[in-house]
PDB file of N, CA and C in Angstrom:
ATOM      1  N   UNK A   1      38.574 -32.265  32.025  1.00  0.00           N
ATOM      2  CA  UNK A   1      38.982 -33.721  32.037  1.00  0.00           C
ATOM      3  C   UNK A   1      38.225 -34.376  31.015  1.00  0.00           C
ATOM      4  N   UNK A   2      36.974 -33.990  30.742  1.00  0.00           N
ATOM      5  CA  UNK A   2      36.240 -34.818  29.750  1.00  0.00           C
ATOM      6  C   UNK A   2      36.629 -34.642  28.382  1.00  0.00           C
ATOM      7  N   UNK A   3      37.203 -33.485  28.006  1.00  0.00           N
ATOM      8  CA  UNK A   3      37.689 -33.276  26.642  1.00  0.00           C
ATOM      9  C   UNK A   3      38.963 -34.177  26.334  1.00  0.00           C
ATOM     10  N   UNK A   4      39.919 -34.341  27.082  1.00  0.00           N
ATOM     11  CA  UNK A   4      40.983 -35.122  26.820  1.00  0.00           C
ATOM     12  C   UNK A   4      40.538 -36.580  26.737  1.00  0.00           C
ATOM     13  N   UNK A   5      39.667 -36.952  27.707  1.00  0.00           N
ATOM     14  CA  UNK A   5      39.236 -38.252  27.644  1.00  0.00           C
ATOM     15  C   UNK A   5      38.436 -38.636  26.434  1.00  0.00           C
ATOM     16  N   UNK A   6      37.627 -37.736  26.022  1.00  0.00           N
ATOM     17  CA  UNK A   6      36.810 -37.909  24.799  1.00  0.00           C
ATOM     18  C   UNK A   6      37.680 -38.040  23.593  1.00  0.00           C
ATOM     19  N   UNK A   7      38.730 -37.246  23.597  1.00  0.00           N
ATOM     20  CA  UNK A   7      39.671 -37.329  22.374  1.00  0.00           C
ATOM     21  C   UNK A   7      40.352 -38.582  22.395  1.00  0.00           C
ATOM     22  N   UNK A   8      40.685 -39.170  23.562  1.00  0.00           N
ATOM     23  CA  UNK A   8      41.349 -40.479  23.608  1.00  0.00           C
ATOM     24  C   UNK A   8      40.337 -41.570  23.163  1.00  0.00           C
ATOM     25  N   UNK A   9      38.981 -41.507  23.658  1.00  0.00           N
ATOM     26  CA  UNK A   9      38.018 -42.454  23.205  1.00  0.00           C
ATOM     27  C   UNK A   9      37.811 -42.490  21.693  1.00  0.00           C
ATOM     28  N   UNK A  10      37.857 -41.249  21.161  1.00  0.00           N
ATOM     29  CA  UNK A  10      37.673 -41.191  19.623  1.00  0.00           C
ATOM     30  C   UNK A  10      38.872 -41.889  19.019  1.00  0.00           C
ATOM     31  N   UNK A  11      40.000 -41.570  19.499  1.00  0.00           N
ATOM     32  CA  UNK A  11      41.242 -42.124  18.951  1.00  0.00           C
ATOM     33  C   UNK A  11      41.100 -43.685  19.100  1.00  0.00           C
ATOM     34  N   UNK A  12      40.915 -44.203  20.249  1.00  0.00           N
ATOM     35  CA  UNK A  12      40.961 -45.610  20.496  1.00  0.00           C
ATOM     36  C   UNK A  12      39.910 -46.394  19.704  1.00  0.00           C
ATOM     37  N   UNK A  13      38.744 -45.757  19.503  1.00  0.00           N
ATOM     38  CA  UNK A  13      37.573 -46.485  18.880  1.00  0.00           C
ATOM     39  C   UNK A  13      37.541 -46.273  17.431  1.00  0.00           C
ATOM     40  N   UNK A  14      37.817 -45.190  16.957  1.00  0.00           N
ATOM     41  CA  UNK A  14      37.659 -44.823  15.427  1.00  0.00           C
ATOM     42  C   UNK A  14      38.925 -44.951  14.718  1.00  0.00           C
ATOM     43  N   UNK A  15      39.989 -44.288  15.170  1.00  0.00           N
ATOM     44  CA  UNK A  15      41.330 -44.361  14.503  1.00  0.00           C
ATOM     45  C   UNK A  15      41.988 -45.659  14.613  1.00  0.00           C
ATOM     46  N   UNK A  16      42.227 -46.149  15.882  1.00  0.00           N
ATOM     47  CA  UNK A  16      42.910 -47.481  16.036  1.00  0.00           C
ATOM     48  C   UNK A  16      42.004 -48.560  16.290  1.00  0.00           C
ATOM     49  N   UNK A  17      40.636 -48.271  16.421  1.00  0.00           N
ATOM     50  CA  UNK A  17      39.782 -49.393  16.776  1.00  0.00           C
ATOM     51  C   UNK A  17      38.894 -49.754  15.505  1.00  0.00           C
ATOM     52  N   UNK A  18      37.831 -50.683  15.886  1.00  0.00           N
ATOM     53  CA  UNK A  18      37.103 -51.286  14.797  1.00  0.00           C
ATOM     54  C   UNK A  18      35.947 -50.546  14.446  1.00  0.00           C
ATOM     55  N   UNK A  19      35.536 -49.444  15.164  1.00  0.00           N
ATOM     56  CA  UNK A  19      34.169 -48.776  14.992  1.00  0.00           C
ATOM     57  C   UNK A  19      34.323 -47.562  13.967  1.00  0.00           C
ATOM     58  N   UNK A  20      33.282 -47.428  13.376  1.00  0.00           N
ATOM     59  CA  UNK A  20      33.225 -46.255  12.323  1.00  0.00           C
ATOM     60  C   UNK A  20      32.994 -44.933  13.068  1.00  0.00           C
ATOM     61  N   UNK A  21      33.249 -43.809  12.536  1.00  0.00           N
ATOM     62  CA  UNK A  21      33.079 -42.574  13.082  1.00  0.00           C
ATOM     63  C   UNK A  21      31.530 -42.275  13.308  1.00  0.00           C
ATOM     64  N   UNK A  22      30.636 -42.975  12.522  1.00  0.00           N
ATOM     65  CA  UNK A  22      29.193 -42.795  12.620  1.00  0.00           C
ATOM     66  C   UNK A  22      28.712 -43.350  13.989  1.00  0.00           C
ATOM     67  N   UNK A  23      29.235 -44.686  14.259  1.00  0.00           N
ATOM     68  CA  UNK A  23      28.899 -45.304  15.464  1.00  0.00           C
ATOM     69  C   UNK A  23      29.276 -44.530  16.701  1.00  0.00           C
ATOM     70  N   UNK A  24      30.505 -44.022  16.752  1.00  0.00           N
ATOM     71  CA  UNK A  24      31.057 -43.280  17.950  1.00  0.00           C
ATOM     72  C   UNK A  24      30.266 -41.901  18.041  1.00  0.00           C
ATOM     73  N   UNK A  25      29.945 -41.342  16.896  1.00  0.00           N
ATOM     74  CA  UNK A  25      29.123 -40.152  16.921  1.00  0.00           C
ATOM     75  C   UNK A  25      27.855 -40.260  17.396  1.00  0.00           C
ATOM     76  N   UNK A  26      27.084 -41.387  17.130  1.00  0.00           N
ATOM     77  CA  UNK A  26      25.813 -41.695  17.758  1.00  0.00           C
ATOM     78  C   UNK A  26      26.049 -41.849  19.221  1.00  0.00           C
ATOM     79  N   UNK A  27      27.021 -42.478  19.738  1.00  0.00           N
ATOM     80  CA  UNK A  27      27.242 -42.751  21.077  1.00  0.00           C
ATOM     81  C   UNK A  27      27.510 -41.469  21.866  1.00  0.00           C
ATOM     82  N   UNK A  28      28.266 -40.515  21.283  1.00  0.00           N
ATOM     83  CA  UNK A  28      28.537 -39.186  21.894  1.00  0.00           C
ATOM     84  C   UNK A  28      27.201 -38.400  21.895  1.00  0.00           C
ATOM     85  N   UNK A  29      26.496 -38.386  20.755  1.00  0.00           N
ATOM     86  CA  UNK A  29      25.216 -37.665  20.791  1.00  0.00           C
ATOM     87  C   UNK A  29      24.242 -38.242  21.746  1.00  0.00           C
ATOM     88  N   UNK A  30      24.219 -39.508  22.020  1.00  0.00           N
ATOM     89  CA  UNK A  30      23.354 -40.055  22.957  1.00  0.00           C
ATOM     90  C   UNK A  30      23.728 -39.602  24.379  1.00  0.00           C
ATOM     91  N   UNK A  31      25.039 -39.574  24.542  1.00  0.00           N
ATOM     92  CA  UNK A  31      25.486 -39.006  25.871  1.00  0.00           C
ATOM     93  C   UNK A  31      25.257 -37.551  26.073  1.00  0.00           C
ATOM     94  N   UNK A  32      25.451 -36.784  25.141  1.00  0.00           N
ATOM     95  CA  UNK A  32      25.161 -35.308  25.201  1.00  0.00           C
ATOM     96  C   UNK A  32      23.680 -35.056  25.418  1.00  0.00           C
ATOM     97  N   UNK A  33      22.824 -35.768  24.695  1.00  0.00           N
ATOM     98  CA  UNK A  33      21.329 -35.576  24.955  1.00  0.00           C
ATOM     99  C   UNK A  33      20.926 -36.068  26.278  1.00  0.00           C
ATOM    100  N   UNK A  34      21.531 -37.082  26.791  1.00  0.00           N
ATOM    101  CA  UNK A  34      21.147 -37.549  28.188  1.00  0.00           C
ATOM    102  C   UNK A  34      21.540 -36.572  29.215  1.00  0.00           C
ATOM    103  N   UNK A  35      22.790 -35.771  29.034  1.00  0.00           N
ATOM    104  CA  UNK A  35      23.190 -34.821  29.815  1.00  0.00           C
ATOM    105  C   UNK A  35      22.203 -33.639  29.855  1.00  0.00           C
ATOM    106  N   UNK A  36      21.820 -33.251  28.608  1.00  0.00           N
ATOM    107  CA  UNK A  36      20.794 -32.164  28.455  1.00  0.00           C
ATOM    108  C   UNK A  36      19.567 -32.471  29.228  1.00  0.00           C
ATOM    109  N   UNK A  37      19.107 -33.646  29.162  1.00  0.00           N
ATOM    110  CA  UNK A  37      17.803 -34.063  29.836  1.00  0.00           C
ATOM    111  C   UNK A  37      18.083 -34.058  31.350  1.00  0.00           C
ATOM    112  N   UNK A  38      19.279 -34.438  31.795  1.00  0.00           N
ATOM    113  CA  UNK A  38      19.580 -34.452  33.270  1.00  0.00           C
ATOM    114  C   UNK A  38      19.445 -33.025  33.808  1.00  0.00           C
ATOM    115  N   UNK A  39      20.219 -32.135  32.947  1.00  0.00           N
ATOM    116  CA  UNK A  39      20.164 -30.621  33.412  1.00  0.00           C
ATOM    117  C   UNK A  39      18.819 -30.177  33.371  1.00  0.00           C
ATOM    118  N   UNK A  40      18.006 -30.587  32.448  1.00  0.00           N
ATOM    119  CA  UNK A  40      16.535 -30.185  32.432  1.00  0.00           C
ATOM    120  C   UNK A  40      15.797 -30.547  33.615  1.00  0.00           C
ATOM    121  N   UNK A  41      15.968 -31.754  34.078  1.00  0.00           N
ATOM    122  CA  UNK A  41      15.422 -32.123  35.384  1.00  0.00           C
ATOM    123  C   UNK A  41      15.874 -31.405  36.584  1.00  0.00           C
ATOM    124  N   UNK A  42      17.162 -31.086  36.522  1.00  0.00           N
ATOM    125  CA  UNK A  42      17.598 -30.281  37.680  1.00  0.00           C
ATOM    126  C   UNK A  42      17.016 -28.966  37.606  1.00  0.00           C
ATOM    127  N   UNK A  43      16.846 -28.366  36.484  1.00  0.00           N
ATOM    128  CA  UNK A  43      16.166 -27.012  36.393  1.00  0.00           C
ATOM    129  C   UNK A  43      14.724 -27.098  36.755  1.00  0.00           C
ATOM    130  N   UNK A  44      14.059 -28.138  36.387  1.00  0.00           N
ATOM    131  CA  UNK A  44      12.712 -28.350  37.019  1.00  0.00           C
ATOM    132  C   UNK A  44      12.607 -28.279  38.429  1.00  0.00           C
ATOM    133  N   UNK A  45      13.676 -29.070  38.930  1.00  0.00           N
ATOM    134  CA  UNK A  45      13.752 -29.094  40.439  1.00  0.00           C
ATOM    135  C   UNK A  45      13.938 -27.859  41.169  1.00  0.00           C
ATOM    136  N   UNK A  46      14.905 -27.107  40.614  1.00  0.00           N
ATOM    137  CA  UNK A  46      15.233 -25.714  41.040  1.00  0.00           C
ATOM    138  C   UNK A  46      14.199 -24.681  40.852  1.00  0.00           C
ATOM    139  N   UNK A  47      13.338 -24.916  39.951  1.00  0.00           N
ATOM    140  CA  UNK A  47      12.176 -23.928  39.739  1.00  0.00           C
ATOM    141  C   UNK A  47      10.956 -24.510  40.516  1.00  0.00           C
ATOM    142  N   UNK A  48      11.192 -25.540  41.262  1.00  0.00           N
ATOM    143  CA  UNK A  48      10.083 -26.101  42.125  1.00  0.00           C
ATOM    144  C   UNK A  48       8.916 -26.655  41.332  1.00  0.00           C
ATOM    145  N   UNK A  49       9.132 -27.100  39.981  1.00  0.00           N
ATOM    146  CA  UNK A  49       8.036 -27.649  39.261  1.00  0.00           C
ATOM    147  C   UNK A  49       7.900 -29.188  39.777  1.00  0.00           C
ATOM    148  N   UNK A  50       9.016 -29.751  40.053  1.00  0.00           N
ATOM    149  CA  UNK A  50       8.940 -31.149  40.593  1.00  0.00           C
ATOM    150  C   UNK A  50       9.708 -31.135  41.954  1.00  0.00           C
ATOM    151  N   UNK A  51       9.382 -32.044  42.799  1.00  0.00           N
ATOM    152  CA  UNK A  51      10.057 -32.171  44.068  1.00  0.00           C
ATOM    153  C   UNK A  51      11.138 -33.134  44.131  1.00  0.00           C
ATOM    154  N   UNK A  52      11.593 -33.461  45.385  1.00  0.00           N
ATOM    155  CA  UNK A  52      12.773 -34.455  45.460  1.00  0.00           C
ATOM    156  C   UNK A  52      12.358 -35.750  44.973  1.00  0.00           C
ATOM    157  N   UNK A  53      11.199 -36.333  45.173  1.00  0.00           N
ATOM    158  CA  UNK A  53      10.773 -37.664  44.727  1.00  0.00           C
ATOM    159  C   UNK A  53      10.691 -37.681  43.237  1.00  0.00           C
ATOM    160  N   UNK A  54      10.057 -36.463  42.635  1.00  0.00           N
ATOM    161  CA  UNK A  54       9.975 -36.498  41.248  1.00  0.00           C
ATOM    162  C   UNK A  54      11.359 -36.372  40.654  1.00  0.00           C
ATOM    163  N   UNK A  55      12.270 -35.685  41.202  1.00  0.00           N
ATOM    164  CA  UNK A  55      13.613 -35.653  40.602  1.00  0.00           C
ATOM    165  C   UNK A  55      14.279 -37.029  40.641  1.00  0.00           C
ATOM    166  N   UNK A  56      14.080 -37.822  41.723  1.00  0.00           N
ATOM    167  CA  UNK A  56      14.661 -39.058  41.823  1.00  0.00           C
ATOM    168  C   UNK A  56      14.063 -39.979  40.694  1.00  0.00           C
ATOM    169  N   UNK A  57      12.715 -39.975  40.489  1.00  0.00           N
ATOM    170  CA  UNK A  57      12.174 -40.797  39.436  1.00  0.00           C
ATOM    171  C   UNK A  57      12.521 -40.383  38.093  1.00  0.00           C
ATOM    172  N   UNK A  58      12.635 -39.018  37.862  1.00  0.00           N
ATOM    173  CA  UNK A  58      13.023 -38.484  36.573  1.00  0.00           C
ATOM    174  C   UNK A  58      14.527 -38.972  36.306  1.00  0.00           C
ATOM    175  N   UNK A  59      15.396 -38.859  37.244  1.00  0.00           N
ATOM    176  CA  UNK A  59      16.745 -39.361  36.918  1.00  0.00           C
ATOM    177  C   UNK A  59      16.891 -40.812  36.735  1.00  0.00           C
ATOM    178  N   UNK A  60      16.023 -41.554  37.472  1.00  0.00           N
ATOM    179  CA  UNK A  60      16.107 -43.083  37.180  1.00  0.00           C
ATOM    180  C   UNK A  60      15.558 -43.431  35.791  1.00  0.00           C
ATOM    181  N   UNK A  61      14.582 -42.714  35.345  1.00  0.00           N
ATOM    182  CA  UNK A  61      14.045 -42.907  33.936  1.00  0.00           C
ATOM    183  C   UNK A  61      15.091 -42.469  32.911  1.00  0.00           C
ATOM    184  N   UNK A  62      15.673 -41.217  33.076  1.00  0.00           N
ATOM    185  CA  UNK A  62      16.669 -40.652  32.202  1.00  0.00           C
ATOM    186  C   UNK A  62      17.856 -41.534  32.147  1.00  0.00           C
ATOM    187  N   UNK A  63      18.031 -42.267  33.180  1.00  0.00           N
ATOM    188  CA  UNK A  63      19.262 -43.186  33.223  1.00  0.00           C
ATOM    189  C   UNK A  63      19.300 -44.216  32.091  1.00  0.00           C
ATOM    190  N   UNK A  64      18.122 -44.551  31.614  1.00  0.00           N
ATOM    191  CA  UNK A  64      17.901 -45.579  30.562  1.00  0.00           C
ATOM    192  C   UNK A  64      18.061 -44.852  29.158  1.00  0.00           C
ATOM    193  N   UNK A  65      18.110 -43.518  29.129  1.00  0.00           N
ATOM    194  CA  UNK A  65      18.210 -42.834  27.834  1.00  0.00           C
ATOM    195  C   UNK A  65      19.144 -43.215  26.885  1.00  0.00           C
ATOM    196  N   UNK A  66      20.489 -43.483  27.355  1.00  0.00           N
ATOM    197  CA  UNK A  66      21.464 -43.844  26.475  1.00  0.00           C
ATOM    198  C   UNK A  66      21.355 -45.162  25.742  1.00  0.00           C
ATOM    199  N   UNK A  67      20.673 -46.113  26.589  1.00  0.00           N
ATOM    200  CA  UNK A  67      20.270 -47.344  25.998  1.00  0.00           C
ATOM    201  C   UNK A  67      19.214 -47.337  24.879  1.00  0.00           C
ATOM    202  N   UNK A  68      18.249 -46.572  25.216  1.00  0.00           N
ATOM    203  CA  UNK A  68      17.268 -46.413  24.310  1.00  0.00           C
ATOM    204  C   UNK A  68      17.631 -45.629  23.044  1.00  0.00           C
ATOM    205  N   UNK A  69      18.468 -44.621  23.132  1.00  0.00           N
ATOM    206  CA  UNK A  69      18.999 -43.819  21.956  1.00  0.00           C
ATOM    207  C   UNK A  69      19.910 -44.757  21.159  1.00  0.00           C
ATOM    208  N   UNK A  70      20.754 -45.570  21.893  1.00  0.00           N
ATOM    209  CA  UNK A  70      21.603 -46.462  21.095  1.00  0.00           C
ATOM    210  C   UNK A  70      20.839 -47.577  20.258  1.00  0.00           C
ATOM    211  N   UNK A  71      19.875 -48.023  20.895  1.00  0.00           N
ATOM    212  CA  UNK A  71      18.946 -48.965  20.131  1.00  0.00           C
ATOM    213  C   UNK A  71      18.347 -48.289  19.021  1.00  0.00           C
ATOM    214  N   UNK A  72      17.833 -47.174  19.129  1.00  0.00           N
ATOM    215  CA  UNK A  72      17.263 -46.417  17.999  1.00  0.00           C
ATOM    216  C   UNK A  72      18.225 -46.117  16.958  1.00  0.00           C
ATOM    217  N   UNK A  73      19.434 -45.611  17.418  1.00  0.00           N
ATOM    218  CA  UNK A  73      20.514 -45.275  16.387  1.00  0.00           C
ATOM    219  C   UNK A  73      21.094 -46.436  15.688  1.00  0.00           C
ATOM    220  N   UNK A  74      21.057 -47.646  16.367  1.00  0.00           N
ATOM    221  CA  UNK A  74      21.746 -48.812  15.658  1.00  0.00           C
ATOM    222  C   UNK A  74      20.866 -49.205  14.450  1.00  0.00           C
ATOM    223  N   UNK A  75      19.609 -48.800  14.363  1.00  0.00           N
ATOM    224  CA  UNK A  75      18.863 -49.207  13.182  1.00  0.00           C
ATOM    225  C   UNK A  75      19.311 -48.507  12.038  1.00  0.00           C
ATOM    226  N   UNK A  76      20.095 -47.434  12.060  1.00  0.00           N
ATOM    227  CA  UNK A  76      20.634 -46.685  10.846  1.00  0.00           C
ATOM    228  C   UNK A  76      22.006 -47.323  10.345  1.00  0.00           C
ATOM    229  N   UNK A  77      22.511 -48.304  11.033  1.00  0.00           N
ATOM    230  CA  UNK A  77      23.779 -48.971  10.691  1.00  0.00           C
ATOM    231  C   UNK A  77      23.561 -50.226  10.250  1.00  0.00           C
ATOM    232  N   UNK A  78      24.665 -50.750   9.382  1.00  0.00           N
ATOM    233  CA  UNK A  78      24.718 -52.119   8.986  1.00  0.00           C
ATOM    234  C   UNK A  78      25.135 -52.894  10.317  1.00  0.00           C
ATOM    235  N   UNK A  79      24.594 -54.060  10.493  1.00  0.00           N
ATOM    236  CA  UNK A  79      24.982 -54.824  11.688  1.00  0.00           C
ATOM    237  C   UNK A  79      26.381 -55.204  11.793  1.00  0.00           C
ATOM    238  N   UNK A  80      27.128 -55.413  10.693  1.00  0.00           N
ATOM    239  CA  UNK A  80      28.499 -55.622  10.667  1.00  0.00           C
ATOM    240  C   UNK A  80      29.356 -54.486  11.225  1.00  0.00           C
ATOM    241  N   UNK A  81      28.888 -53.244  11.056  1.00  0.00           N
ATOM    242  CA  UNK A  81      29.584 -52.127  11.678  1.00  0.00           C
ATOM    243  C   UNK A  81      29.528 -52.023  13.110  1.00  0.00           C
ATOM    244  N   UNK A  82      28.538 -52.756  13.732  1.00  0.00           N
ATOM    245  CA  UNK A  82      28.424 -52.602  15.247  1.00  0.00           C
ATOM    246  C   UNK A  82      29.273 -53.702  16.061  1.00  0.00           C
ATOM    247  N   UNK A  83      29.703 -54.792  15.198  1.00  0.00           N
ATOM    248  CA  UNK A  83      30.557 -55.696  15.909  1.00  0.00           C
ATOM    249  C   UNK A  83      31.970 -55.455  15.705  1.00  0.00           C
ATOM    250  N   UNK A  84      32.777 -55.532  16.898  1.00  0.00           N
ATOM    251  CA  UNK A  84      34.162 -55.258  16.707  1.00  0.00           C
ATOM    252  C   UNK A  84      34.873 -56.319  15.823  1.00  0.00           C
ATOM    253  N   UNK A  85      35.847 -55.900  15.077  1.00  0.00           N
ATOM    254  CA  UNK A  85      36.659 -56.803  14.251  1.00  0.00           C
ATOM    255  C   UNK A  85      37.998 -57.086  14.850  1.00  0.00           C
ATOM    256  N   UNK A  86      38.600 -58.108  14.788  1.00  0.00           N
ATOM    257  CA  UNK A  86      40.026 -58.266  15.376  1.00  0.00           C
ATOM    258  C   UNK A  86      41.007 -57.380  14.618  1.00  0.00           C
ATOM    259  N   UNK A  87      41.890 -56.824  15.448  1.00  0.00           N
ATOM    260  CA  UNK A  87      42.868 -55.873  14.888  1.00  0.00           C
ATOM    261  C   UNK A  87      44.133 -56.850  14.639  1.00  0.00           C
ATOM    262  N   UNK A  88      44.593 -56.683  13.429  1.00  0.00           N
ATOM    263  CA  UNK A  88      45.935 -57.648  13.057  1.00  0.00           C
ATOM    264  C   UNK A  88      47.145 -57.072  13.656  1.00  0.00           C
TER     265      UNK A  88
END
């Protein structure tokens, strides 16, 4: 289900929309890295390195990862690429 939705998002944002491929690529990379970090936390929980409370705190902190990565990634783009432009 994620693959067709991802293809549609790429089509809507890059091909038909106002964003460049770089901007959408950074967004997808931030999402992928966040999922890897979430899986890492679950692995730590399953191996009993952290407990239930630790996993809860870990997940809450990791929840801010896409915002932080987007802020860091936006420094590599011109500001005009980040603002949507009206479609004629």
